[in-house]
């Protein structure tokens, strides 16, 4: 749970900017972040990598 909270904290601005209309759950937010990869902050990308959600 701590890893998820860390990612949400690090990706908060990106989630707000790119995925505001996406309902949480079933991997939808992660999918949204991946679809917007070119516009996602390095901070968010690093957090996803650190917790193993992204290569």
Protein backbone atom coordinates (compact mmCIF):
# COMPACT_ATOMS: atom_id res chain seq x y z
CA UNK A 1 0.00 0.00 0.00
CA UNK A 2 2.86 2.37 0.76
CA UNK A 3 4.21 1.93 -2.77
CA UNK A 4 0.86 2.88 -4.25
CA UNK A 5 0.60 5.95 -2.03
CA UNK A 6 4.11 6.94 -3.12
CA UNK A 7 3.19 6.67 -6.82
CA UNK A 8 -0.04 8.62 -6.34
CA UNK A 9 1.90 11.36 -4.54
CA UNK A 10 4.64 11.54 -7.17
CA UNK A 11 2.16 11.40 -10.07
CA UNK A 12 -0.56 13.63 -8.59
CA UNK A 13 0.03 16.52 -11.01
CA UNK A 14 0.16 14.17 -14.01
CA UNK A 15 -2.99 12.34 -12.93
CA UNK A 16 -4.78 15.65 -12.47
CA UNK A 17 -3.58 17.02 -15.80
CA UNK A 18 -3.96 13.95 -18.04
CA UNK A 19 -6.35 11.58 -16.27
CA UNK A 20 -8.83 13.75 -14.41
CA UNK A 21 -11.86 12.15 -16.08
CA UNK A 22 -10.60 8.57 -15.59
CA UNK A 23 -12.28 6.52 -12.86
CA UNK A 24 -9.81 4.87 -10.47
CA UNK A 25 -9.64 1.11 -10.31
CA UNK A 26 -8.88 -1.90 -12.48
CA UNK A 27 -5.66 -0.33 -13.77
CA UNK A 28 -7.38 2.55 -15.57
CA UNK A 29 -5.16 5.28 -14.08
CA UNK A 30 -1.98 3.39 -14.92
CA UNK A 31 -3.28 2.84 -18.45
CA UNK A 32 -4.01 6.55 -18.76
CA UNK A 33 -0.50 7.45 -17.57
CA UNK A 34 0.96 5.00 -20.11
CA UNK A 35 -1.14 6.50 -22.93
CA UNK A 36 0.19 9.94 -22.02
CA UNK A 37 3.77 8.76 -21.51
CA UNK A 38 5.32 11.50 -23.66
CA UNK A 39 3.74 14.18 -21.45
CA UNK A 40 4.24 12.54 -18.05
CA UNK A 41 6.83 14.07 -15.74
CA UNK A 42 10.14 12.34 -15.11
CA UNK A 43 9.26 12.34 -11.40
CA UNK A 44 6.16 10.22 -12.05
CA UNK A 45 7.98 7.90 -14.46
CA UNK A 46 10.75 7.34 -11.91
CA UNK A 47 8.22 6.50 -9.19
CA UNK A 48 6.50 3.97 -11.44
CA UNK A 49 9.84 2.34 -12.18
CA UNK A 50 10.84 2.27 -8.51
CA UNK A 51 7.75 0.30 -7.52
CA UNK A 52 7.89 -2.00 -10.53
CA UNK A 53 4.88 -0.68 -12.44
CA UNK A 54 6.98 0.39 -15.40
CA UNK A 55 10.14 -0.89 -17.03
